[in-house]
Amino acid sequence: MGNHQVGISGFAAYLPPYRVDLQDWCEWTGNDWDKIQNVVGTGFRMMGPAQSVYTLAATATLRLIDQYAIDPQRIRFLGLGTESSTDNSAGAVIVKGMIDEAQRQRGKNPISRNCEVQEVKHACLGGVYAMKNALRFLALEPADSVAIVVSADIAKYNLGSSGEPTQGAGAVAMLLEKNPRLLEVDLTACGSASDYRAVDFRKPMTRPADGNGNDGTRFHDTPVFNGKYSISCYLDETLHALRDMESKLEQKPTEYYDSLSAVFMHRPYQQMPVISWGFRYLVGLAHGGKTGNTELAKYCGSANLQVSDVLAEMHSAPNILSMALEGDLNRDPYPMTMQLVKHCRDSDWFKSIIEKQLSLGSDTARELGNVYSASLPAWIAAGLEDALHRDIDLTSQNILAIGYGSGDAAEAIPMRVVTPWREATERIKFAAAMGPVENLDQGQYKSLHATGYADSLRSTQNQAFMVERIGCSSQPNYADDGIEYYRFVRDDRISA
């Protein structure tokens, strides 16, 4: 990468304080705690009363401005990545409005009036797409401008569904600049892939009448999903994005992957990145010439698989959409490869290569649940802070970020850690953003899930904004039915 690169200079996060301890959840629901902590994680957050996706996003954005002493007049691009919008017209400008009001109340400058405000939606990939838009903007912007992209989401699943333990809520804001202070992003080598998947994971706004009180017009904030099929979609699309990236790299893919100090992926739950990255490694051996094939044959032999059969499967191009159209969602398009991944999970090489590259910030990420578009930037932020606290020198090291959005699409984004990363990482304050915490009891959890309210919740002071009221007028002279009105509150981690 040459001079005048674009990339990431900072992160700031906001997590609601209302936490579900997954060990408690297992006691409430009769699930196996050992399995849940191994596969899913240890906890997740829930949005509280008087909060919305926009208040989460604005709180993280205001923290970013303060933590990195950003001159708001230099902000010429504000992007919001989310799949939890409750307004189908406005998006990022709502966040801008809250920030501007907070700045005025604090006697500070608002964000520049000449600021682009974009909301980008594509499931969990919206924040990554917004980031790429912002970086392209900066690359072409002649002025000394900066961009902010905030990823904010609320993952909510029906009680009793397989997705229930993978809920979450939160926001992560990123500061993007020319000559960045944390991570240079190689825009020329980013890999992209997309393909329509029908019923992978969708959020129809309204659904047909079901005989249970739903008349077909009520807004739904829970998804329609097919878990096993979604795994196949994730594996297949991230693989295609990586292959696109590999075709653009200025070095052999094997050399690039060996050079990586860390890999961060969209993580709907704890084990998904581990499975996906192990899957990529093994498929990479199939495309790695004689040396790669020899290594693959060794692993196949230990798993009692014929290497010729496995190679044929790895070189195939399964039609994932046809599985949905034919109603065969439980079919595994890569059965032998997945068998091989599972067989290798406990091996020394898997732990020393696959799990090591995914290790930075992993323990923290287990506490986040699935924050959809915020999951990937949250893990990167936590990983950088983890490296700083463990005195791991990442200077000039390569890291890889892999985003994914159901539906479906994926992005593979090569990055390099730049020299002043320690100072910029000290300002992330991700560990501080994890608190305060209020563990919910079963009754509070169910009430908050069903209504957005719960009794006996302690008053917290860690949010900067709240929904003060929701309009209900539809009069000809003033209509505001359903429109949220916001109020700047405070934030103990934001200077007055």
Protein backbone atom coordinates (compact mmCIF):
# COMPACT_ATOMS: atom_id res chain seq x y z
CA MET A 1 0.00 0.00 0.00
CA GLY A 2 1.34 3.42 -0.91
CA ASN A 3 0.98 6.86 0.59
CA HIS A 4 -2.33 8.68 1.04
CA GLN A 5 -4.24 5.56 1.91
CA VAL A 6 -7.72 5.56 3.41
CA GLY A 7 -8.85 3.54 6.35
CA ILE A 8 -9.99 3.40 9.95
CA SER A 9 -8.70 5.72 12.68
CA GLY A 10 -11.00 4.89 15.57
CA PHE A 11 -13.88 2.94 17.07
CA ALA A 12 -16.45 3.66 19.76
CA ALA A 13 -19.22 1.39 20.99
CA TYR A 14 -22.49 1.54 22.85
CA LEU A 15 -24.16 -1.52 24.38
CA PRO A 16 -27.43 -1.32 26.31
CA PRO A 17 -26.93 -2.36 29.96
CA TYR A 18 -29.72 -4.97 29.93
CA ARG A 19 -27.98 -8.33 29.74
CA VAL A 20 -29.25 -11.89 29.46
CA ASP A 21 -26.80 -14.33 31.02
CA LEU A 22 -26.95 -17.41 28.81
CA GLN A 23 -26.28 -19.74 31.73
CA ASP A 24 -29.39 -18.30 33.41
CA TRP A 25 -31.25 -18.57 30.11
CA CYS A 26 -30.34 -22.26 29.92
CA GLU A 27 -31.89 -22.79 33.36
CA TRP A 28 -35.06 -20.99 32.27
CA THR A 29 -35.40 -22.93 29.03
CA GLY A 30 -33.85 -26.32 29.81
CA ASN A 31 -31.04 -25.92 27.29
CA ASP A 32 -27.59 -27.45 27.73
CA TRP A 33 -25.24 -24.77 29.12
CA ASP A 34 -22.05 -26.57 28.03
CA LYS A 35 -23.31 -26.69 24.47
CA ILE A 36 -24.60 -23.10 24.46
CA GLN A 37 -21.38 -21.56 25.81
CA ASN A 38 -19.36 -23.62 23.37
CA VAL A 39 -21.42 -22.93 20.27
CA VAL A 40 -23.14 -19.61 20.96
CA GLY A 41 -21.43 -17.60 23.70
CA THR A 42 -22.02 -16.37 27.23
CA GLY A 43 -24.52 -13.52 27.02
CA PHE A 44 -26.32 -10.91 24.96
CA ARG A 45 -27.80 -7.43 25.39
CA MET A 46 -31.35 -6.18 24.88
CA MET A 47 -32.59 -2.76 23.91
CA GLY A 48 -34.22 -1.01 26.85
CA PRO A 49 -37.23 1.24 27.25
CA ALA A 50 -37.05 4.61 25.49
CA GLN A 51 -34.36 3.30 23.14
CA SER A 52 -34.37 2.66 19.42
CA VAL A 53 -31.76 1.73 16.84
CA TYR A 54 -31.27 5.45 16.23
CA THR A 55 -30.53 6.27 19.89
CA LEU A 56 -28.04 3.38 20.01
CA ALA A 57 -26.33 4.68 16.87
CA ALA A 58 -26.27 8.29 18.06
CA THR A 59 -24.80 7.38 21.44
CA ALA A 60 -21.95 5.43 19.81
CA THR A 61 -21.36 8.29 17.35
CA LEU A 62 -21.19 10.93 20.07
CA ARG A 63 -18.74 8.78 22.00
CA LEU A 64 -16.57 8.51 18.89
CA ILE A 65 -16.57 12.29 18.39
CA ASP A 66 -15.52 12.87 22.00
CA GLN A 67 -13.05 10.01 22.37
CA TYR A 68 -11.12 11.08 19.25
CA ALA A 69 -11.65 14.86 19.61
CA ILE A 70 -13.19 15.06 16.12
CA ASP A 71 -14.05 18.49 14.77
CA PRO A 72 -17.69 17.90 13.68
CA GLN A 73 -17.27 20.49 10.92
CA ARG A 74 -14.84 18.11 9.21
CA ILE A 75 -17.45 15.33 9.07
CA ARG A 76 -18.63 15.27 5.46
CA PHE A 77 -20.00 11.72 5.37
CA LEU A 78 -22.20 10.04 7.99
CA GLY A 79 -23.27 6.51 7.14
CA LEU A 80 -25.64 4.24 9.06
CA GLY A 81 -25.56 0.51 8.47
CA THR A 82 -28.56 -1.29 9.93
CA GLU A 83 -31.31 -3.78 9.27
CA SER A 84 -33.35 -2.55 12.24
CA SER A 85 -34.72 0.68 10.79
CA THR A 86 -38.13 1.74 12.00
CA ASP A 87 -38.41 4.58 9.49
CA ASN A 88 -38.49 3.71 5.81
CA SER A 89 -37.66 7.24 4.68
CA ALA A 90 -35.01 8.81 6.91
CA GLY A 91 -32.02 7.09 8.45
CA ALA A 92 -28.58 8.54 9.09
CA VAL A 93 -29.98 12.07 9.12
CA ILE A 94 -31.91 11.13 12.28
CA VAL A 95 -28.58 10.33 13.94
CA LYS A 96 -27.14 13.61 12.65
CA GLY A 97 -30.06 15.52 14.13
CA MET A 98 -29.49 14.01 17.56
CA ILE A 99 -25.76 14.72 17.45
CA ASP A 100 -26.33 18.31 16.32
CA GLU A 101 -28.76 18.96 19.19
CA ALA A 102 -26.40 17.41 21.75
CA GLN A 103 -23.52 19.51 20.44
CA ARG A 104 -25.59 22.69 20.68
CA GLN A 105 -26.58 21.88 24.25
CA ARG A 106 -22.93 21.37 25.11
CA GLY A 107 -21.86 24.60 23.42
CA LYS A 108 -20.02 22.81 20.63
CA ASN A 109 -20.16 22.79 16.83
CA PRO A 110 -22.72 20.57 15.07
CA ILE A 111 -21.80 18.25 12.21
CA SER A 112 -21.12 20.06 8.94
CA ARG A 113 -24.25 21.11 7.04
CA ASN A 114 -22.44 19.84 3.91
CA CYS A 115 -22.49 16.24 5.08
CA GLU A 116 -23.75 13.26 3.09
CA VAL A 117 -26.13 11.14 5.16
CA GLN A 118 -26.61 7.59 3.93
CA GLU A 119 -28.39 4.59 5.37
CA VAL A 120 -27.27 1.30 3.89
CA LYS A 121 -29.25 -1.90 4.34
CA HIS A 122 -28.20 -5.40 3.44
CA ALA A 123 -28.75 -7.60 6.48
CA CYS A 124 -25.52 -7.83 8.52
CA LEU A 125 -23.42 -6.40 5.67
CA GLY A 126 -24.94 -2.90 5.72
CA GLY A 127 -22.18 -1.44 7.89
CA VAL A 128 -19.43 -2.89 5.70
CA TYR A 129 -21.07 -1.53 2.56
CA ALA A 130 -21.43 1.87 4.26
CA MET A 131 -17.75 1.75 5.21
CA LYS A 132 -16.71 1.04 1.62
CA ASN A 133 -18.90 3.90 0.41
CA ALA A 134 -17.27 6.22 2.94
CA LEU A 135 -13.73 5.15 2.01
CA ARG A 136 -14.44 5.69 -1.68
CA PHE A 137 -15.85 9.12 -0.79
CA LEU A 138 -12.67 10.00 1.11
CA ALA A 139 -10.44 8.75 -1.71
CA LEU A 140 -12.11 11.24 -4.07
CA GLU A 141 -12.68 14.08 -1.60
CA PRO A 142 -10.12 16.88 -2.07
CA ALA A 143 -10.78 18.55 1.28
CA ASP A 144 -9.43 17.51 4.69
CA SER A 145 -12.65 15.68 5.47
CA VAL A 146 -13.42 12.73 7.71
CA ALA A 147 -16.22 10.19 7.59
CA ILE A 148 -18.13 8.35 10.29
CA VAL A 149 -19.92 5.07 9.75
CA VAL A 150 -22.04 3.68 12.56
CA SER A 151 -23.38 0.14 12.52
CA ALA A 152 -26.34 -0.36 14.82
CA ASP A 153 -28.78 -3.22 15.14
CA ILE A 154 -31.23 -5.10 17.32
CA ALA A 155 -31.30 -8.85 16.83
CA LYS A 156 -34.54 -10.28 18.14
CA TYR A 157 -35.83 -13.84 17.71
CA ASN A 158 -39.02 -15.53 18.77
CA LEU A 159 -38.97 -17.27 22.14
CA GLY A 160 -38.38 -20.98 21.68
CA SER A 161 -36.75 -20.58 18.27
CA SER A 162 -33.24 -21.84 17.52
CA GLY A 163 -32.14 -18.24 17.13
CA GLU A 164 -33.28 -17.15 20.60
CA PRO A 165 -29.84 -17.44 22.30
CA THR A 166 -28.23 -15.46 19.47
CA GLN A 167 -30.01 -12.18 20.10
CA GLY A 168 -28.23 -8.87 20.75
CA ALA A 169 -28.33 -5.09 20.58
CA GLY A 170 -25.69 -2.41 20.21
CA ALA A 171 -23.85 0.03 17.99
CA VAL A 172 -20.27 0.60 16.87
CA ALA A 173 -19.11 3.83 15.24
CA MET A 174 -15.96 4.05 13.10
CA LEU A 175 -13.83 7.09 12.27
CA LEU A 176 -12.57 6.93 8.68
CA GLU A 177 -9.79 9.15 7.35
CA LYS A 178 -7.08 9.60 4.79
CA ASN A 179 -3.74 8.45 6.19
CA PRO A 180 -5.54 6.55 8.97
CA ARG A 181 -4.21 5.98 12.48
CA LEU A 182 -5.35 2.37 12.95
CA LEU A 183 -6.01 0.34 9.83
CA GLU A 184 -5.23 0.96 6.17
CA VAL A 185 -7.85 -0.62 3.92
CA ASP A 186 -6.73 -1.92 0.54
CA LEU A 187 -9.76 -0.96 -1.54
CA THR A 188 -8.18 -2.30 -4.75
CA ALA A 189 -7.97 -5.84 -3.35
CA CYS A 190 -11.37 -6.13 -1.67
CA GLY A 191 -13.35 -9.16 -2.74
CA SER A 192 -17.10 -9.09 -3.35
CA ALA A 193 -19.74 -11.74 -3.93
CA SER A 194 -23.52 -11.81 -3.99
CA ASP A 195 -26.25 -14.22 -4.95
CA TYR A 196 -29.99 -14.35 -4.24
CA ARG A 197 -30.95 -17.03 -1.69
CA ALA A 198 -34.74 -16.67 -1.28
CA VAL A 199 -35.46 -17.91 2.27
CA ASP A 200 -32.03 -17.78 3.89
CA PHE A 201 -32.92 -14.95 6.32
CA ARG A 202 -35.53 -12.31 5.62
CA LYS A 203 -37.57 -9.67 7.45
CA PRO A 204 -40.85 -9.10 5.63
CA MET A 205 -42.43 -6.00 7.17
CA THR A 206 -45.87 -7.57 7.20
CA ARG A 207 -46.92 -11.18 6.96
CA PRO A 208 -50.14 -12.98 6.07
CA ALA A 209 -52.92 -13.40 8.61
CA ASP A 210 -52.11 -16.47 10.69
CA GLY A 211 -55.22 -17.08 12.81
CA ASN A 212 -53.36 -16.01 15.96
CA GLY A 213 -54.44 -12.41 16.04
CA ASN A 214 -52.17 -11.23 13.25
CA ASP A 215 -54.33 -9.59 10.62
CA GLY A 216 -51.51 -9.40 8.08
CA THR A 217 -50.72 -5.72 8.58
CA ARG A 218 -48.76 -5.70 11.87
CA PHE A 219 -45.08 -4.71 11.74
CA HIS A 220 -42.69 -7.57 12.50
CA ASP A 221 -39.22 -7.12 14.01
CA THR A 222 -38.34 -10.83 14.13
CA PRO A 223 -36.87 -12.60 11.10
CA VAL A 224 -37.94 -15.53 8.98
CA PHE A 225 -34.94 -17.82 8.82
CA ASN A 226 -33.80 -21.36 8.09
CA GLY A 227 -30.78 -22.12 10.24
CA LYS A 228 -29.07 -25.02 8.48
CA TYR A 229 -29.64 -23.45 5.07
CA SER A 230 -28.23 -20.16 6.38
CA ILE A 231 -24.99 -21.91 7.34
CA SER A 232 -24.63 -23.24 3.79
CA CYS A 233 -25.25 -19.75 2.40
CA TYR A 234 -22.68 -18.19 4.75
CA LEU A 235 -19.97 -20.71 3.88
CA ASP A 236 -20.57 -20.54 0.15
CA GLU A 237 -20.75 -16.75 -0.19
CA THR A 238 -17.76 -15.92 2.01
CA LEU A 239 -15.74 -18.45 0.00
CA HIS A 240 -16.65 -16.66 -3.24
CA ALA A 241 -15.72 -13.26 -1.79
CA LEU A 242 -12.35 -14.63 -0.69
CA ARG A 243 -11.70 -16.06 -4.15
CA ASP A 244 -12.44 -12.65 -5.66
CA MET A 245 -10.00 -11.06 -3.22
CA GLU A 246 -7.36 -13.68 -4.00
CA SER A 247 -7.55 -12.81 -7.71
CA LYS A 248 -6.65 -9.19 -6.86
CA LEU A 249 -3.83 -9.78 -4.40
CA GLU A 250 -0.28 -8.97 -5.46
CA GLN A 251 1.00 -12.17 -3.84
CA LYS A 252 0.08 -15.83 -3.75
CA PRO A 253 -3.03 -16.48 -1.64
CA THR A 254 -1.18 -19.00 0.54
CA GLU A 255 1.52 -16.43 1.31
CA TYR A 256 -1.10 -13.81 2.14
CA TYR A 257 -3.09 -16.09 4.45
CA ASP A 258 0.11 -17.19 6.22
CA SER A 259 0.97 -13.52 6.82
CA LEU A 260 -2.26 -12.75 8.67
CA SER A 261 -1.93 -11.83 12.34
CA ALA A 262 -5.68 -11.80 12.84
CA VAL A 263 -8.92 -12.62 11.05
CA PHE A 264 -12.27 -11.08 11.96
CA MET A 265 -15.55 -12.31 10.49
CA HIS A 266 -19.22 -11.63 10.88
CA ARG A 267 -20.18 -13.79 13.84
CA PRO A 268 -23.85 -14.64 14.37
CA TYR A 269 -22.63 -16.97 17.11
CA GLN A 270 -19.32 -18.19 18.55
CA GLN A 271 -18.65 -21.20 16.34
CA MET A 272 -19.66 -19.81 12.94
CA PRO A 273 -16.34 -18.05 12.20
CA VAL A 274 -14.39 -21.08 13.41
CA ILE A 275 -16.28 -23.39 11.06
CA SER A 276 -16.08 -20.92 8.18
CA TRP A 277 -12.38 -20.17 8.51
CA GLY A 278 -11.54 -23.87 8.85
CA PHE A 279 -13.71 -24.54 5.80
CA ARG A 280 -11.81 -21.90 3.81
CA TYR A 281 -8.44 -23.29 4.85
CA LEU A 282 -9.26 -26.82 3.73
CA VAL A 283 -10.83 -25.70 0.44
CA GLY A 284 -7.75 -23.54 -0.09
CA LEU A 285 -5.60 -26.67 0.05
CA ALA A 286 -7.60 -28.09 -2.84
CA HIS A 287 -6.58 -25.07 -4.90
CA GLY A 288 -3.01 -25.01 -3.56
CA GLY A 289 -1.32 -27.21 -6.10
CA LYS A 290 0.68 -30.34 -5.29
CA THR A 291 1.76 -29.11 -1.84
CA GLY A 292 -1.78 -28.23 -0.82
CA ASN A 293 -3.23 -31.46 -2.19
CA THR A 294 -0.64 -33.50 -0.29
CA GLU A 295 -1.56 -31.81 2.98
CA LEU A 296 -5.26 -32.28 2.25
CA ALA A 297 -4.71 -35.98 1.53
CA LYS A 298 -3.14 -36.40 4.97
CA TYR A 299 -6.18 -34.91 6.68
CA CYS A 300 -8.58 -36.93 4.53
CA GLY A 301 -6.75 -40.13 5.41
CA SER A 302 -7.11 -39.48 9.15
CA ALA A 303 -10.84 -38.86 8.61
CA ASN A 304 -11.32 -42.01 6.47
CA LEU A 305 -12.30 -39.92 3.43
CA GLN A 306 -11.15 -40.47 -0.14
CA VAL A 307 -9.14 -37.41 -1.14
CA SER A 308 -10.30 -37.72 -4.77
CA ASP A 309 -13.95 -37.49 -3.67
CA VAL A 310 -13.21 -34.54 -1.39
CA LEU A 311 -11.28 -32.73 -4.13
CA ALA A 312 -14.16 -33.22 -6.56
CA GLU A 313 -16.59 -31.74 -4.02
CA MET A 314 -14.31 -28.79 -3.26
CA HIS A 315 -13.96 -27.97 -6.95
CA SER A 316 -17.73 -28.17 -7.51
CA ALA A 317 -20.08 -25.21 -7.75
CA PRO A 318 -23.29 -26.21 -5.93
CA ASN A 319 -26.45 -24.29 -6.70
CA ILE A 320 -27.46 -23.13 -3.22
CA LEU A 321 -30.64 -21.38 -4.39
CA SER A 322 -31.97 -24.60 -5.93
CA MET A 323 -32.02 -26.13 -2.43
CA ALA A 324 -34.60 -23.54 -1.41
CA LEU A 325 -36.60 -23.70 -4.62
CA GLU A 326 -36.76 -27.50 -4.35
CA GLY A 327 -37.65 -27.41 -0.64
CA ASP A 328 -34.47 -29.28 0.31
CA LEU A 329 -33.05 -26.88 2.92
CA ASN A 330 -31.38 -29.54 5.04
CA ARG A 331 -29.17 -30.83 2.24
CA ASP A 332 -25.48 -30.09 2.83
CA PRO A 333 -23.83 -28.86 -0.40
CA TYR A 334 -20.37 -29.69 1.01
CA PRO A 335 -20.98 -32.82 3.16
CA MET A 336 -17.49 -34.32 3.00
CA THR A 337 -15.76 -30.99 3.51
CA MET A 338 -17.88 -30.27 6.56
CA GLN A 339 -17.15 -33.76 7.89
CA LEU A 340 -13.46 -33.01 7.45
CA VAL A 341 -13.75 -29.66 9.25
CA LYS A 342 -15.44 -31.33 12.22
CA HIS A 343 -12.81 -34.08 12.28
CA CYS A 344 -9.97 -31.57 12.31
CA ARG A 345 -11.42 -29.29 15.00
CA ASP A 346 -9.49 -30.94 17.86
CA SER A 347 -6.21 -31.27 15.99
CA ASP A 348 -3.10 -29.30 16.95
CA TRP A 349 -2.78 -27.71 13.51
CA PHE A 350 -6.38 -26.45 13.58
CA LYS A 351 -5.85 -24.81 16.95
CA SER A 352 -2.44 -23.36 16.04
CA ILE A 353 -3.60 -21.92 12.70
CA ILE A 354 -7.37 -21.48 12.53
CA GLU A 355 -8.24 -20.69 16.13
CA LYS A 356 -5.09 -18.61 16.66
CA GLN A 357 -5.94 -16.26 13.79
CA LEU A 358 -9.44 -15.85 15.23
CA SER A 359 -8.34 -15.43 18.85
CA LEU A 360 -7.93 -11.66 19.32
CA GLY A 361 -11.00 -10.25 21.07
CA SER A 362 -12.82 -13.57 20.85
CA ASP A 363 -13.59 -13.81 24.58
CA THR A 364 -15.15 -10.34 24.54
CA ALA A 365 -17.15 -11.12 21.42
CA ARG A 366 -18.70 -14.13 23.19
CA GLU A 367 -20.49 -11.61 25.42
CA LEU A 368 -22.00 -9.57 22.58
CA GLY A 369 -24.50 -11.97 21.09
CA ASN A 370 -25.37 -11.26 17.47
CA VAL A 371 -25.41 -7.52 16.81
CA TYR A 372 -25.98 -8.03 13.06
CA SER A 373 -24.19 -5.19 11.21
CA ALA A 374 -22.29 -4.18 14.36
CA SER A 375 -20.90 -7.67 15.00
CA LEU A 376 -17.87 -7.37 12.72
CA PRO A 377 -16.70 -3.86 13.74
CA ALA A 378 -17.29 -4.76 17.40
CA TRP A 379 -15.02 -7.78 17.11
CA ILE A 380 -12.31 -5.77 15.32
CA ALA A 381 -12.43 -3.07 18.00
CA ALA A 382 -12.31 -5.65 20.79
CA GLY A 383 -9.48 -7.49 19.03
CA LEU A 384 -7.30 -4.39 18.71
CA GLU A 385 -7.87 -3.53 22.36
CA ASP A 386 -7.07 -7.14 23.32
CA ALA A 387 -3.77 -6.96 21.43
CA LEU A 388 -2.89 -3.68 23.17
CA HIS A 389 -3.62 -5.06 26.63
CA ARG A 390 -1.67 -8.26 25.93
CA ASP A 391 1.24 -6.25 24.49
CA ILE A 392 1.01 -7.97 21.10
CA ASP A 393 2.76 -5.81 18.51
CA LEU A 394 0.55 -5.55 15.42
CA THR A 395 2.55 -2.77 13.76
CA SER A 396 2.55 -3.24 9.96
CA GLN A 397 0.78 -6.60 10.33
CA ASN A 398 -1.91 -7.81 7.93
CA ILE A 399 -5.40 -8.50 9.19
CA LEU A 400 -8.45 -9.62 7.25
CA ALA A 401 -12.07 -8.62 7.80
CA ILE A 402 -14.84 -10.71 6.25
CA GLY A 403 -18.36 -9.32 6.25
CA TYR A 404 -21.50 -11.24 5.39
CA GLY A 405 -25.14 -10.36 4.95
CA SER A 406 -27.91 -12.89 4.52
CA GLY A 407 -29.81 -12.79 1.32
CA ASP A 408 -26.93 -12.93 0.46
CA ALA A 409 -23.60 -11.14 -0.05
CA ALA A 410 -20.08 -11.10 1.35
CA GLU A 411 -17.04 -8.82 1.39
CA ALA A 412 -13.40 -9.76 2.03
CA ILE A 413 -11.42 -6.70 3.10
CA PRO A 414 -7.62 -6.81 3.51
CA MET A 415 -6.24 -4.32 6.03
CA ARG A 416 -2.84 -3.40 7.48
CA VAL A 417 -2.20 -2.11 10.99
CA VAL A 418 -0.38 1.24 10.84
CA THR A 419 2.33 2.58 13.15
CA PRO A 420 0.30 4.85 15.51
CA TRP A 421 -2.24 2.10 16.22
CA ARG A 422 -1.51 1.90 19.95
CA GLU A 423 -2.50 5.50 20.66
CA ALA A 424 -5.66 5.20 18.56
CA THR A 425 -6.51 1.87 20.21
CA GLU A 426 -6.23 3.37 23.70
CA ARG A 427 -9.15 5.62 22.79
CA ILE A 428 -11.48 2.78 21.74
CA LYS A 429 -12.53 2.05 25.34
CA PHE A 430 -14.39 -1.09 24.34
CA ALA A 431 -14.02 -2.72 27.76
CA ALA A 432 -15.58 0.39 29.32
CA ALA A 433 -18.45 0.21 26.84
CA MET A 434 -19.29 -3.27 28.16
CA GLY A 435 -20.54 -1.72 31.41
CA PRO A 436 -22.60 -1.05 33.38
CA VAL A 437 -24.49 -4.33 33.28
CA GLU A 438 -27.90 -5.22 34.66
CA ASN A 439 -28.57 -8.95 34.48
CA LEU A 440 -32.23 -9.60 33.73
CA ASP A 441 -34.32 -12.16 35.54
CA GLN A 442 -36.67 -14.41 33.60
CA GLY A 443 -39.72 -12.20 34.08
CA GLN A 444 -37.87 -9.05 33.03
CA TYR A 445 -36.46 -10.82 29.98
CA LYS A 446 -39.84 -12.04 28.78
CA SER A 447 -41.48 -8.67 29.41
CA LEU A 448 -38.73 -6.72 27.66
CA HIS A 449 -38.88 -9.15 24.75
CA ALA A 450 -42.66 -8.91 24.41
CA THR A 451 -43.31 -5.23 25.13
CA GLY A 452 -40.03 -3.32 25.30
CA TYR A 453 -40.67 -2.63 29.00
CA ALA A 454 -39.99 -4.47 32.26
CA ASP A 455 -40.58 -3.79 35.93
CA SER A 456 -37.84 -2.86 38.38
CA LEU A 457 -35.19 -1.97 35.82
CA ARG A 458 -32.60 0.24 37.47
CA SER A 459 -32.12 3.71 36.03
CA THR A 460 -28.86 3.85 34.08
CA GLN A 461 -26.89 6.85 32.97
CA ASN A 462 -24.86 5.30 30.18
CA GLN A 463 -26.97 6.42 27.24
CA ALA A 464 -26.72 9.80 25.59
CA PHE A 465 -30.14 9.81 23.93
CA MET A 466 -33.63 8.56 24.59
CA VAL A 467 -36.93 8.40 22.74
CA GLU A 468 -38.92 11.05 24.59
CA ARG A 469 -42.23 10.36 22.88
CA ILE A 470 -43.77 9.01 19.69
CA GLY A 471 -46.08 11.20 17.67
CA CYS A 472 -49.73 10.21 17.23
CA SER A 473 -51.24 13.05 15.25
CA SER A 474 -52.67 12.61 11.78
CA GLN A 475 -54.34 16.00 11.55
CA PRO A 476 -54.19 17.96 8.27
CA ASN A 477 -52.30 20.83 9.91
CA TYR A 478 -49.75 18.65 11.75
CA ALA A 479 -49.11 14.97 11.08
CA ASP A 480 -46.49 13.05 13.07
CA ASP A 481 -48.09 9.64 13.56
CA GLY A 482 -45.37 7.13 14.52
CA ILE A 483 -42.50 9.64 14.37
CA GLU A 484 -39.99 9.40 17.24
CA TYR A 485 -38.90 12.51 19.13
CA TYR A 486 -35.53 12.33 20.84
CA ARG A 487 -33.92 13.97 23.84
CA PHE A 488 -30.26 14.32 24.74
CA VAL A 489 -29.76 12.86 28.21
CA ARG A 490 -26.13 12.36 29.20
CA ASP A 491 -23.42 9.72 29.21
CA ASP A 492 -20.98 9.21 32.05
CA ARG A 493 -18.28 8.34 29.54
CA ILE A 494 -18.92 11.44 27.45
CA SER A 495 -17.43 14.70 28.65
CA ALA A 496 -19.92 17.41 29.51
